[in-house]
Amino acid sequence: MKKIILLLVLAFSALFSQAQTTTLKAGDAAPDFKLKNVDGKDVSFASYPKAKGYIVVFTCNTCPYAVAYEQRIIDLDNKFRPQGYPVIAINPNDPEAQPDDTFVKMQDLAKQKKYPFPYLFDAGQKVTDQFGAKRTPHIFIISKTSKGNVVEYVGAIDNDPEGNKTEKVKYAEDVITALKNNQKPAITQTKEIGCTVKRKAKA
């Protein structure tokens, strides 16, 4: 009987945990945040008063997929930041679960790769859970509207994680192109591609 009760408790705990990390979808309000950048300064949406929207990317130092997409994330920022859509990168991994994702190592990587965008540390994974980011990289494209910041697209950057397709579907670029033309994106959600977010083991 005790074993059955324990199993039920664990099952409900798992369901509750899953409910707490439901991924945002197109049309949802994007939660604001204030997180520490690798330069030691806090960054939030308000840090970009002239932005038309944002490319929020949950990524990290260590995941092979994040490494594979690193240059493409840099390219997105270089292309679309001048057009009003800056990249904001957030590391969702707990450094106790993944020691190579500490704040110091984030600083080292950002300096080495000369990131043109902020690379933020999500201590306690609060923002990760608010967005429902599940993998690295996981992208959220957001519009700044008169009603606040609204999610327009959630999922993968493109359909080429290996980086070897001669013809690829550039989801993120297509979404921003549509938004710039005052159109709704044709695709608002795709399957995120990458490593699962790393969380420390619960006691």
N, C-alpha and C. Protein backbone atom coordinates (compact mmCIF):
# COMPACT_ATOMS: atom_id res chain seq x y z
N MET A 1 0.83 -1.20 0.00
CA MET A 1 0.00 0.00 0.00
C MET A 1 0.87 1.27 0.00
N LYS A 2 1.92 1.23 0.84
CA LYS A 2 2.82 2.38 0.90
C LYS A 2 3.51 2.61 -0.44
N LYS A 3 3.83 1.49 -1.11
CA LYS A 3 4.50 1.59 -2.41
C LYS A 3 3.57 2.24 -3.44
N ILE A 4 2.27 1.88 -3.39
CA ILE A 4 1.30 2.45 -4.32
C ILE A 4 1.15 3.96 -4.08
N ILE A 5 1.09 4.35 -2.81
CA ILE A 5 0.96 5.77 -2.46
C ILE A 5 2.17 6.55 -2.95
N LEU A 6 3.36 5.97 -2.75
CA LEU A 6 4.58 6.62 -3.20
C LEU A 6 4.59 6.82 -4.71
N LEU A 7 4.15 5.79 -5.44
CA LEU A 7 4.09 5.89 -6.89
C LEU A 7 3.12 6.97 -7.35
N LEU A 8 1.98 7.07 -6.65
CA LEU A 8 1.01 8.10 -6.98
C LEU A 8 1.57 9.50 -6.73
N VAL A 9 2.26 9.65 -5.61
CA VAL A 9 2.87 10.94 -5.28
C VAL A 9 3.88 11.34 -6.35
N LEU A 10 4.71 10.38 -6.75
CA LEU A 10 5.72 10.65 -7.78
C LEU A 10 5.07 11.01 -9.11
N ALA A 11 3.97 10.32 -9.44
CA ALA A 11 3.27 10.59 -10.69
C ALA A 11 2.69 12.00 -10.70
N PHE A 12 2.05 12.39 -9.57
CA PHE A 12 1.47 13.73 -9.49
C PHE A 12 2.56 14.80 -9.49
N SER A 13 3.70 14.50 -8.87
CA SER A 13 4.82 15.44 -8.86
C SER A 13 5.34 15.67 -10.26
N ALA A 14 5.41 14.59 -11.04
CA ALA A 14 5.88 14.70 -12.42
C ALA A 14 4.92 15.53 -13.26
N LEU A 15 3.62 15.31 -13.05
CA LEU A 15 2.62 16.06 -13.79
C LEU A 15 2.67 17.54 -13.43
N PHE A 16 2.86 17.81 -12.14
CA PHE A 16 2.93 19.20 -11.67
C PHE A 16 4.15 19.89 -12.26
N SER A 17 5.28 19.17 -12.25
CA SER A 17 6.51 19.73 -12.79
C SER A 17 6.36 20.05 -14.27
N GLN A 18 5.70 19.13 -15.01
CA GLN A 18 5.49 19.34 -16.43
C GLN A 18 4.59 20.54 -16.67
N ALA A 19 3.55 20.67 -15.82
CA ALA A 19 2.63 21.79 -15.97
C ALA A 19 3.33 23.13 -15.75
N GLN A 20 4.32 23.12 -14.84
CA GLN A 20 5.04 24.34 -14.52
C GLN A 20 5.96 24.77 -15.67
N THR A 21 6.28 23.86 -16.56
CA THR A 21 7.21 24.19 -17.63
C THR A 21 6.56 24.04 -19.01
N THR A 22 5.28 24.37 -19.10
CA THR A 22 4.59 24.36 -20.39
C THR A 22 5.21 25.41 -21.30
N THR A 23 5.54 25.02 -22.52
CA THR A 23 6.19 25.93 -23.45
C THR A 23 5.22 26.97 -23.99
N LEU A 24 5.67 28.22 -24.03
CA LEU A 24 4.86 29.28 -24.61
C LEU A 24 4.58 28.97 -26.08
N LYS A 25 3.49 29.54 -26.58
CA LYS A 25 3.14 29.36 -27.99
C LYS A 25 2.79 30.70 -28.60
N ALA A 26 2.66 30.71 -29.92
CA ALA A 26 2.33 31.95 -30.62
C ALA A 26 1.04 32.55 -30.07
N GLY A 27 1.07 33.84 -29.82
CA GLY A 27 -0.07 34.55 -29.27
C GLY A 27 0.02 34.78 -27.78
N ASP A 28 0.90 34.04 -27.10
CA ASP A 28 1.08 34.22 -25.66
C ASP A 28 1.88 35.49 -25.37
N ALA A 29 1.63 36.07 -24.21
CA ALA A 29 2.44 37.20 -23.76
C ALA A 29 3.82 36.68 -23.35
N ALA A 30 4.85 37.37 -23.77
CA ALA A 30 6.21 36.98 -23.42
C ALA A 30 6.57 37.57 -22.06
N PRO A 31 6.92 36.74 -21.09
CA PRO A 31 7.26 37.27 -19.76
C PRO A 31 8.53 38.10 -19.80
N ASP A 32 8.51 39.21 -19.08
CA ASP A 32 9.71 40.04 -19.00
C ASP A 32 10.69 39.39 -18.03
N PHE A 33 11.92 39.83 -18.09
CA PHE A 33 12.95 39.27 -17.22
C PHE A 33 14.07 40.30 -17.07
N LYS A 34 14.92 40.08 -16.10
CA LYS A 34 16.13 40.86 -15.93
C LYS A 34 17.21 39.89 -15.46
N LEU A 35 18.17 39.60 -16.35
CA LEU A 35 19.20 38.61 -16.06
C LEU A 35 20.59 39.22 -16.29
N LYS A 36 21.57 38.64 -15.60
CA LYS A 36 22.95 39.15 -15.69
C LYS A 36 23.63 38.68 -16.97
N ASN A 37 24.16 39.65 -17.70
CA ASN A 37 24.92 39.38 -18.91
C ASN A 37 26.37 39.02 -18.54
N VAL A 38 27.09 38.47 -19.51
CA VAL A 38 28.48 38.10 -19.27
C VAL A 38 29.35 39.32 -18.96
N ASP A 39 28.88 40.53 -19.28
CA ASP A 39 29.64 41.73 -18.93
C ASP A 39 29.30 42.26 -17.54
N GLY A 40 28.44 41.51 -16.82
CA GLY A 40 28.08 41.88 -15.46
C GLY A 40 26.88 42.79 -15.35
N LYS A 41 26.37 43.28 -16.47
CA LYS A 41 25.22 44.18 -16.45
C LYS A 41 23.92 43.40 -16.64
N ASP A 42 22.85 43.91 -16.05
CA ASP A 42 21.54 43.29 -16.23
C ASP A 42 20.95 43.66 -17.59
N VAL A 43 20.28 42.68 -18.20
CA VAL A 43 19.64 42.90 -19.51
C VAL A 43 18.18 42.46 -19.43
N SER A 44 17.31 43.25 -20.03
CA SER A 44 15.88 42.92 -20.12
C SER A 44 15.38 43.41 -21.46
N PHE A 45 14.10 43.18 -21.76
CA PHE A 45 13.54 43.73 -22.98
C PHE A 45 13.66 45.26 -23.01
N ALA A 46 13.56 45.87 -21.84
CA ALA A 46 13.64 47.33 -21.75
C ALA A 46 15.01 47.86 -22.14
N SER A 47 16.00 46.99 -22.21
CA SER A 47 17.34 47.40 -22.62
C SER A 47 17.38 47.78 -24.10
N TYR A 48 16.29 47.47 -24.83
CA TYR A 48 16.21 47.73 -26.27
C TYR A 48 14.99 48.59 -26.58
N PRO A 49 15.02 49.86 -26.20
CA PRO A 49 13.82 50.71 -26.38
C PRO A 49 13.40 50.91 -27.83
N LYS A 50 14.33 50.76 -28.77
CA LYS A 50 14.00 50.98 -30.18
C LYS A 50 13.72 49.67 -30.93
N ALA A 51 13.74 48.56 -30.23
CA ALA A 51 13.53 47.26 -30.88
C ALA A 51 12.08 47.12 -31.35
N LYS A 52 11.91 46.40 -32.45
CA LYS A 52 10.58 46.04 -32.95
C LYS A 52 10.16 44.67 -32.43
N GLY A 53 11.15 43.92 -32.00
CA GLY A 53 10.92 42.59 -31.47
C GLY A 53 12.24 41.99 -31.01
N TYR A 54 12.21 40.71 -30.69
CA TYR A 54 13.39 40.07 -30.11
C TYR A 54 13.50 38.63 -30.59
N ILE A 55 14.74 38.17 -30.70
CA ILE A 55 15.02 36.76 -30.98
C ILE A 55 15.63 36.19 -29.70
N VAL A 56 14.82 35.56 -28.89
CA VAL A 56 15.30 34.99 -27.64
C VAL A 56 15.72 33.54 -27.89
N VAL A 57 16.97 33.24 -27.61
CA VAL A 57 17.52 31.91 -27.86
C VAL A 57 18.05 31.31 -26.57
N PHE A 58 17.47 30.20 -26.17
CA PHE A 58 18.02 29.46 -25.03
C PHE A 58 19.09 28.52 -25.57
N THR A 59 20.34 28.78 -25.17
CA THR A 59 21.47 28.02 -25.69
C THR A 59 22.51 27.89 -24.59
N CYS A 60 23.61 27.22 -24.89
CA CYS A 60 24.60 26.96 -23.83
C CYS A 60 25.98 26.75 -24.43
N ASN A 61 26.95 26.53 -23.56
CA ASN A 61 28.34 26.29 -23.99
C ASN A 61 28.55 24.89 -24.55
N THR A 62 27.81 23.92 -24.02
CA THR A 62 28.24 22.53 -24.09
C THR A 62 27.50 21.63 -25.09
N CYS A 63 26.24 21.88 -25.32
CA CYS A 63 25.46 20.99 -26.18
C CYS A 63 26.00 21.00 -27.61
N PRO A 64 26.23 19.84 -28.22
CA PRO A 64 26.72 19.80 -29.60
C PRO A 64 25.82 20.54 -30.58
N TYR A 65 24.52 20.52 -30.34
CA TYR A 65 23.59 21.24 -31.21
C TYR A 65 23.77 22.75 -31.05
N ALA A 66 23.94 23.19 -29.81
CA ALA A 66 24.17 24.61 -29.55
C ALA A 66 25.46 25.07 -30.23
N VAL A 67 26.49 24.24 -30.15
CA VAL A 67 27.77 24.55 -30.81
C VAL A 67 27.58 24.62 -32.33
N ALA A 68 26.80 23.68 -32.87
CA ALA A 68 26.57 23.65 -34.32
C ALA A 68 25.80 24.88 -34.80
N TYR A 69 24.92 25.40 -33.95
CA TYR A 69 24.10 26.56 -34.33
C TYR A 69 24.73 27.89 -33.94
N GLU A 70 25.86 27.85 -33.27
CA GLU A 70 26.45 29.07 -32.72
C GLU A 70 26.64 30.15 -33.79
N GLN A 71 27.27 29.80 -34.90
CA GLN A 71 27.52 30.80 -35.95
C GLN A 71 26.21 31.28 -36.56
N ARG A 72 25.24 30.40 -36.67
CA ARG A 72 23.96 30.80 -37.24
C ARG A 72 23.23 31.79 -36.31
N ILE A 73 23.42 31.62 -35.00
CA ILE A 73 22.84 32.58 -34.05
C ILE A 73 23.54 33.93 -34.17
N ILE A 74 24.86 33.91 -34.32
CA ILE A 74 25.62 35.14 -34.53
C ILE A 74 25.14 35.82 -35.81
N ASP A 75 24.96 35.03 -36.86
CA ASP A 75 24.51 35.57 -38.15
C ASP A 75 23.12 36.20 -38.05
N LEU A 76 22.23 35.57 -37.27
CA LEU A 76 20.89 36.13 -37.07
C LEU A 76 20.97 37.52 -36.44
N ASP A 77 21.82 37.65 -35.43
CA ASP A 77 21.96 38.94 -34.76
C ASP A 77 22.57 39.98 -35.69
N ASN A 78 23.61 39.60 -36.40
CA ASN A 78 24.26 40.55 -37.31
C ASN A 78 23.30 41.02 -38.40
N LYS A 79 22.42 40.13 -38.86
CA LYS A 79 21.49 40.49 -39.92
C LYS A 79 20.29 41.28 -39.43
N PHE A 80 19.71 40.84 -38.30
CA PHE A 80 18.41 41.40 -37.91
C PHE A 80 18.46 42.43 -36.77
N ARG A 81 19.55 42.48 -36.02
CA ARG A 81 19.65 43.53 -34.98
C ARG A 81 19.54 44.92 -35.60
N PRO A 82 20.24 45.21 -36.71
CA PRO A 82 20.09 46.55 -37.31
C PRO A 82 18.68 46.83 -37.82
N GLN A 83 17.90 45.76 -38.02
CA GLN A 83 16.53 45.91 -38.52
C GLN A 83 15.51 45.91 -37.37
N GLY A 84 16.01 45.89 -36.14
CA GLY A 84 15.11 46.00 -34.99
C GLY A 84 14.80 44.72 -34.28
N TYR A 85 15.49 43.63 -34.63
CA TYR A 85 15.24 42.33 -33.99
C TYR A 85 16.55 41.74 -33.45
N PRO A 86 16.98 42.18 -32.26
CA PRO A 86 18.23 41.69 -31.69
C PRO A 86 18.10 40.29 -31.10
N VAL A 87 19.19 39.57 -31.09
CA VAL A 87 19.26 38.29 -30.40
C VAL A 87 19.53 38.53 -28.91
N ILE A 88 18.81 37.80 -28.07
CA ILE A 88 19.10 37.75 -26.63
C ILE A 88 19.29 36.28 -26.29
N ALA A 89 20.52 35.88 -25.98
CA ALA A 89 20.82 34.49 -25.67
C ALA A 89 20.78 34.26 -24.16
N ILE A 90 20.17 33.16 -23.76
CA ILE A 90 20.04 32.82 -22.34
C ILE A 90 20.52 31.39 -22.14
N ASN A 91 21.41 31.19 -21.17
CA ASN A 91 21.87 29.85 -20.83
C ASN A 91 20.91 29.25 -19.80
N PRO A 92 20.16 28.20 -20.17
CA PRO A 92 19.17 27.62 -19.25
C PRO A 92 19.72 26.52 -18.35
N ASN A 93 20.96 26.09 -18.57
CA ASN A 93 21.48 24.95 -17.82
C ASN A 93 21.93 25.31 -16.41
N ASP A 94 21.68 24.40 -15.48
CA ASP A 94 22.17 24.57 -14.11
C ASP A 94 23.64 24.16 -14.08
N PRO A 95 24.55 25.02 -13.61
CA PRO A 95 25.97 24.68 -13.63
C PRO A 95 26.34 23.52 -12.70
N GLU A 96 25.48 23.22 -11.74
CA GLU A 96 25.75 22.05 -10.90
C GLU A 96 25.52 20.76 -11.68
N ALA A 97 24.61 20.82 -12.64
CA ALA A 97 24.33 19.65 -13.47
C ALA A 97 25.27 19.59 -14.67
N GLN A 98 25.73 20.77 -15.12
CA GLN A 98 26.65 20.83 -16.26
C GLN A 98 27.77 21.83 -15.91
N PRO A 99 28.87 21.34 -15.35
CA PRO A 99 29.94 22.22 -14.85
C PRO A 99 30.58 23.12 -15.90
N ASP A 100 30.46 22.78 -17.16
CA ASP A 100 31.04 23.64 -18.20
C ASP A 100 30.11 24.77 -18.63
N ASP A 101 28.98 24.90 -17.92
CA ASP A 101 28.05 26.00 -18.20
C ASP A 101 28.00 26.99 -17.04
N THR A 102 29.11 27.16 -16.33
CA THR A 102 29.17 28.17 -15.27
C THR A 102 29.21 29.56 -15.89
N PHE A 103 28.94 30.57 -15.07
CA PHE A 103 28.96 31.94 -15.55
C PHE A 103 30.35 32.33 -16.06
N VAL A 104 31.38 31.89 -15.35
CA VAL A 104 32.75 32.20 -15.77
C VAL A 104 33.05 31.60 -17.14
N LYS A 105 32.61 30.37 -17.35
CA LYS A 105 32.87 29.73 -18.65
C LYS A 105 32.01 30.33 -19.75
N MET A 106 30.84 30.84 -19.39
CA MET A 106 30.04 31.60 -20.35
C MET A 106 30.79 32.86 -20.78
N GLN A 107 31.40 33.54 -19.80
CA GLN A 107 32.17 34.74 -20.11
C GLN A 107 33.33 34.41 -21.05
N ASP A 108 34.01 33.31 -20.76
CA ASP A 108 35.15 32.90 -21.59
C ASP A 108 34.72 32.63 -23.03
N LEU A 109 33.59 31.91 -23.19
CA LEU A 109 33.12 31.57 -24.53
C LEU A 109 32.68 32.81 -25.29
N ALA A 110 31.93 33.68 -24.63
CA ALA A 110 31.44 34.90 -25.28
C ALA A 110 32.61 35.77 -25.76
N LYS A 111 33.67 35.82 -24.95
CA LYS A 111 34.85 36.60 -25.32
C LYS A 111 35.60 35.94 -26.48
N GLN A 112 35.75 34.62 -26.38
CA GLN A 112 36.47 33.88 -27.41
C GLN A 112 35.78 33.99 -28.77
N LYS A 113 34.45 33.85 -28.76
CA LYS A 113 33.68 33.86 -30.01
C LYS A 113 33.22 35.25 -30.42
N LYS A 114 33.51 36.23 -29.57
CA LYS A 114 33.14 37.63 -29.84
C LYS A 114 31.64 37.77 -30.10
N TYR A 115 30.86 37.24 -29.16
CA TYR A 115 29.41 37.34 -29.31
C TYR A 115 28.99 38.80 -29.46
N PRO A 116 28.20 39.12 -30.48
CA PRO A 116 27.71 40.49 -30.64
C PRO A 116 26.44 40.75 -29.83
N PHE A 117 25.91 39.70 -29.20
CA PHE A 117 24.66 39.77 -28.46
C PHE A 117 24.91 39.45 -26.98
N PRO A 118 23.97 39.80 -26.09
CA PRO A 118 24.12 39.43 -24.68
C PRO A 118 23.96 37.93 -24.49
N TYR A 119 24.68 37.42 -23.52
CA TYR A 119 24.62 35.99 -23.17
C TYR A 119 24.32 35.94 -21.68
N LEU A 120 23.09 35.62 -21.33
CA LEU A 120 22.58 35.82 -19.98
C LEU A 120 22.56 34.52 -19.17
N PHE A 121 22.79 34.66 -17.90
CA PHE A 121 22.81 33.54 -16.97
C PHE A 121 21.48 33.49 -16.22
N ASP A 122 20.76 32.38 -16.36
CA ASP A 122 19.44 32.23 -15.72
C ASP A 122 19.59 31.45 -14.41
N ALA A 123 20.03 32.14 -13.38
CA ALA A 123 20.22 31.51 -12.08
C ALA A 123 18.89 31.00 -11.55
N GLY A 124 18.82 29.73 -11.18
CA GLY A 124 17.58 29.14 -10.68
C GLY A 124 16.62 28.71 -11.77
N GLN A 125 16.95 28.99 -13.02
CA GLN A 125 16.16 28.55 -14.18
C GLN A 125 14.73 29.09 -14.18
N LYS A 126 14.52 30.22 -13.54
CA LYS A 126 13.18 30.80 -13.44
C LYS A 126 12.66 31.23 -14.82
N VAL A 127 13.49 31.94 -15.58
CA VAL A 127 13.07 32.42 -16.89
C VAL A 127 12.91 31.25 -17.86
N THR A 128 13.79 30.27 -17.75
CA THR A 128 13.69 29.06 -18.55
C THR A 128 12.31 28.42 -18.37
N ASP A 129 11.88 28.33 -17.12
CA ASP A 129 10.58 27.72 -16.83
C ASP A 129 9.42 28.62 -17.26
N GLN A 130 9.58 29.93 -17.17
CA GLN A 130 8.51 30.84 -17.60
C GLN A 130 8.27 30.72 -19.11
N PHE A 131 9.33 30.57 -19.85
CA PHE A 131 9.21 30.40 -21.30
C PHE A 131 8.88 28.96 -21.67
N GLY A 132 9.23 28.03 -20.79
CA GLY A 132 9.05 26.62 -21.10
C GLY A 132 10.09 26.10 -22.07
N ALA A 133 11.29 26.67 -22.01
CA ALA A 133 12.37 26.21 -22.89
C ALA A 133 12.76 24.80 -22.49
N LYS A 134 12.86 23.92 -23.47
CA LYS A 134 13.11 22.51 -23.19
C LYS A 134 14.47 22.03 -23.68
N ARG A 135 15.01 22.71 -24.69
CA ARG A 135 16.26 22.22 -25.29
C ARG A 135 17.19 23.38 -25.63
N THR A 136 18.42 23.01 -25.96
CA THR A 136 19.38 24.00 -26.43
C THR A 136 19.87 23.59 -27.82
N PRO A 137 19.63 24.47 -28.83
CA PRO A 137 18.94 25.76 -28.72
C PRO A 137 17.43 25.64 -28.86
N HIS A 138 16.71 26.55 -28.23
CA HIS A 138 15.26 26.66 -28.34
C HIS A 138 14.98 28.14 -28.55
N ILE A 139 14.30 28.47 -29.64
CA ILE A 139 14.15 29.87 -30.04
C ILE A 139 12.72 30.36 -29.88
N PHE A 140 12.60 31.62 -29.43
CA PHE A 140 11.31 32.29 -29.27
C PHE A 140 11.43 33.65 -29.96
N ILE A 141 10.64 33.87 -31.00
CA ILE A 141 10.65 35.16 -31.68
C ILE A 141 9.45 35.96 -31.19
N ILE A 142 9.72 37.18 -30.80
CA ILE A 142 8.74 37.99 -30.08
C ILE A 142 8.57 39.34 -30.76
N SER A 143 7.33 39.80 -30.86
CA SER A 143 7.02 41.12 -31.38
C SER A 143 6.74 42.09 -30.24
N LYS A 144 7.20 43.31 -30.40
CA LYS A 144 6.82 44.37 -29.46
C LYS A 144 5.57 45.04 -30.03
N THR A 145 4.47 44.97 -29.29
CA THR A 145 3.20 45.53 -29.76
C THR A 145 2.66 46.54 -28.77
N SER A 146 1.58 47.20 -29.16
CA SER A 146 0.95 48.17 -28.26
C SER A 146 0.36 47.50 -27.03
N LYS A 147 0.16 46.18 -27.13
CA LYS A 147 -0.38 45.41 -26.00
C LYS A 147 0.70 44.67 -25.22
N GLY A 148 1.95 44.93 -25.57
CA GLY A 148 3.04 44.26 -24.87
C GLY A 148 3.81 43.34 -25.81
N ASN A 149 4.71 42.58 -25.23
CA ASN A 149 5.53 41.67 -26.01
C ASN A 149 4.79 40.35 -26.24
N VAL A 150 4.67 39.96 -27.51
CA VAL A 150 3.86 38.81 -27.88
C VAL A 150 4.71 37.78 -28.64
N VAL A 151 4.56 36.53 -28.27
CA VAL A 151 5.28 35.45 -28.94
C VAL A 151 4.70 35.25 -30.34
N GLU A 152 5.59 35.17 -31.33
CA GLU A 152 5.17 34.95 -32.72
C GLU A 152 5.57 33.57 -33.24
N TYR A 153 6.66 33.03 -32.70
CA TYR A 153 7.18 31.75 -33.20
C TYR A 153 7.98 31.07 -32.10
N VAL A 154 7.88 29.74 -32.05
CA VAL A 154 8.62 28.94 -31.07
C VAL A 154 9.13 27.68 -31.77
N GLY A 155 10.40 27.34 -31.53
CA GLY A 155 10.89 26.08 -32.07
C GLY A 155 12.35 26.12 -32.47
N ALA A 156 12.62 25.62 -33.68
CA ALA A 156 13.98 25.49 -34.19
C ALA A 156 14.36 26.70 -35.05
N ILE A 157 15.64 26.92 -35.18
CA ILE A 157 16.14 28.02 -36.02
C ILE A 157 15.94 27.69 -37.50
N ASP A 158 16.21 26.43 -37.86
CA ASP A 158 16.00 25.95 -39.22
C ASP A 158 15.82 24.44 -39.17
N ASN A 159 15.77 23.81 -40.32
CA ASN A 159 15.56 22.35 -40.36
C ASN A 159 16.85 21.60 -40.69
N ASP A 160 17.99 22.21 -40.33
CA ASP A 160 19.28 21.64 -40.71
C ASP A 160 20.25 21.61 -39.52
N PRO A 161 19.98 20.78 -38.50
CA PRO A 161 20.88 20.75 -37.34
C PRO A 161 22.30 20.32 -37.67
N GLU A 162 22.46 19.49 -38.69
CA GLU A 162 23.80 19.03 -39.06
C GLU A 162 24.56 20.10 -39.86
N GLY A 163 23.84 21.05 -40.42
CA GLY A 163 24.49 22.11 -41.17
C GLY A 163 25.04 21.70 -42.51
N ASN A 164 24.43 20.69 -43.14
CA ASN A 164 24.97 20.20 -44.40
C ASN A 164 23.96 20.19 -45.55
N LYS A 165 22.78 20.77 -45.34
CA LYS A 165 21.78 20.81 -46.41
C LYS A 165 22.06 21.99 -47.35
N THR A 166 22.03 21.72 -48.64
CA THR A 166 22.22 22.81 -49.60
C THR A 166 20.98 23.71 -49.66
N GLU A 167 19.82 23.12 -49.44
CA GLU A 167 18.59 23.89 -49.37
C GLU A 167 17.92 23.62 -48.02
N LYS A 168 17.72 24.64 -47.25
CA LYS A 168 17.14 24.47 -45.92
C LYS A 168 15.99 25.45 -45.72
N VAL A 169 15.11 25.11 -44.80
CA VAL A 169 14.01 26.02 -44.42
C VAL A 169 14.49 26.85 -43.24
N LYS A 170 14.65 28.13 -43.47
CA LYS A 170 15.15 29.03 -42.43
C LYS A 170 13.97 29.61 -41.66
N TYR A 171 13.48 28.83 -40.70
CA TYR A 171 12.26 29.22 -39.98
C TYR A 171 12.38 30.62 -39.37
N ALA A 172 13.45 30.85 -38.64
CA ALA A 172 13.59 32.12 -37.94
C ALA A 172 13.63 33.30 -38.90
N GLU A 173 14.41 33.17 -39.95
CA GLU A 173 14.50 34.26 -40.93
C GLU A 173 13.16 34.51 -41.62
N ASP A 174 12.46 33.44 -41.94
CA ASP A 174 11.16 33.58 -42.61
C ASP A 174 10.15 34.29 -41.71
N VAL A 175 10.19 33.97 -40.42
CA VAL A 175 9.26 34.60 -39.48
C VAL A 175 9.52 36.10 -39.39
N ILE A 176 10.79 36.47 -39.24
CA ILE A 176 11.11 37.89 -39.10
C ILE A 176 10.82 38.65 -40.39
N THR A 177 11.07 38.03 -41.52
CA THR A 177 10.74 38.66 -42.80
C THR A 177 9.24 38.95 -42.89
N ALA A 178 8.42 37.99 -42.46
CA ALA A 178 6.97 38.21 -42.46
C ALA A 178 6.59 39.35 -41.52
N LEU A 179 7.15 39.36 -40.33
CA LEU A 179 6.82 40.39 -39.35
C LEU A 179 7.21 41.78 -39.86
N LYS A 180 8.37 41.86 -40.51
CA LYS A 180 8.81 43.15 -41.06
C LYS A 180 7.85 43.65 -42.13
N ASN A 181 7.17 42.74 -42.81
CA ASN A 181 6.20 43.10 -43.84
C ASN A 181 4.78 43.20 -43.29
N ASN A 182 4.68 43.29 -41.96
CA ASN A 182 3.39 43.40 -41.28
C ASN A 182 2.46 42.24 -41.58
N GLN A 183 3.06 41.05 -41.71
CA GLN A 183 2.30 39.83 -41.97
C GLN A 183 2.49 38.85 -40.82
N LYS A 184 1.52 37.98 -40.64
CA LYS A 184 1.65 36.91 -39.67
C LYS A 184 2.49 35.79 -40.29
N PRO A 185 3.39 35.19 -39.53
CA PRO A 185 4.22 34.12 -40.08
C PRO A 185 3.38 32.93 -40.53
N ALA A 186 3.80 32.29 -41.62
CA ALA A 186 3.09 31.11 -42.12
C ALA A 186 3.26 29.94 -41.16
N ILE A 187 4.42 29.85 -40.52
CA ILE A 187 4.71 28.80 -39.55
C ILE A 187 5.00 29.45 -38.21
N THR A 188 4.28 29.03 -37.18
CA THR A 188 4.45 29.65 -35.86
C THR A 188 5.06 28.70 -34.82
N GLN A 189 5.19 27.43 -35.19
CA GLN A 189 5.77 26.47 -34.25
C GLN A 189 6.41 25.31 -35.01
N THR A 190 7.60 24.91 -34.55
CA THR A 190 8.26 23.72 -35.07
C THR A 190 8.83 22.95 -33.89
N LYS A 191 9.25 21.74 -34.13
CA LYS A 191 9.86 20.93 -33.08
C LYS A 191 11.25 21.47 -32.76
N GLU A 192 11.48 21.78 -31.50
CA GLU A 192 12.80 22.26 -31.10
C GLU A 192 13.83 21.14 -31.26
N ILE A 193 15.04 21.52 -31.66
CA ILE A 193 16.10 20.55 -31.91
C ILE A 193 17.26 20.85 -30.98
N GLY A 194 17.70 19.86 -30.20
CA GLY A 194 18.86 20.10 -29.34
C GLY A 194 18.89 19.20 -28.13
N CYS A 195 19.80 19.51 -27.21
CA CYS A 195 19.95 18.76 -25.97
C CYS A 195 18.92 19.24 -24.95
N THR A 196 18.50 18.36 -24.08
CA THR A 196 17.57 18.75 -23.03
C THR A 196 18.25 19.72 -22.05
N VAL A 197 17.45 20.60 -21.47
CA VAL A 197 17.95 21.52 -20.45
C VAL A 197 18.45 20.70 -19.27
N LYS A 198 19.62 21.05 -18.77
CA LYS A 198 20.25 20.30 -17.68
C LYS A 198 19.85 20.88 -16.32
N ARG A 199 19.30 20.02 -15.47
CA ARG A 199 18.86 20.41 -14.14
C ARG A 199 19.58 19.57 -13.08
N LYS A 200 19.87 20.20 -11.95
CA LYS A 200 20.55 19.45 -10.90
C LYS A 200 19.58 18.45 -10.27
N ALA A 201 20.13 17.35 -9.82
CA ALA A 201 19.31 16.29 -9.21
C ALA A 201 18.68 16.81 -7.93
N LYS A 202 17.41 16.49 -7.74
CA LYS A 202 16.72 16.90 -6.52
C LYS A 202 17.10 15.98 -5.37
N ALA A 203 17.24 16.56 -4.21
CA ALA A 203 17.62 15.77 -3.02
C ALA A 203 16.49 14.84 -2.62
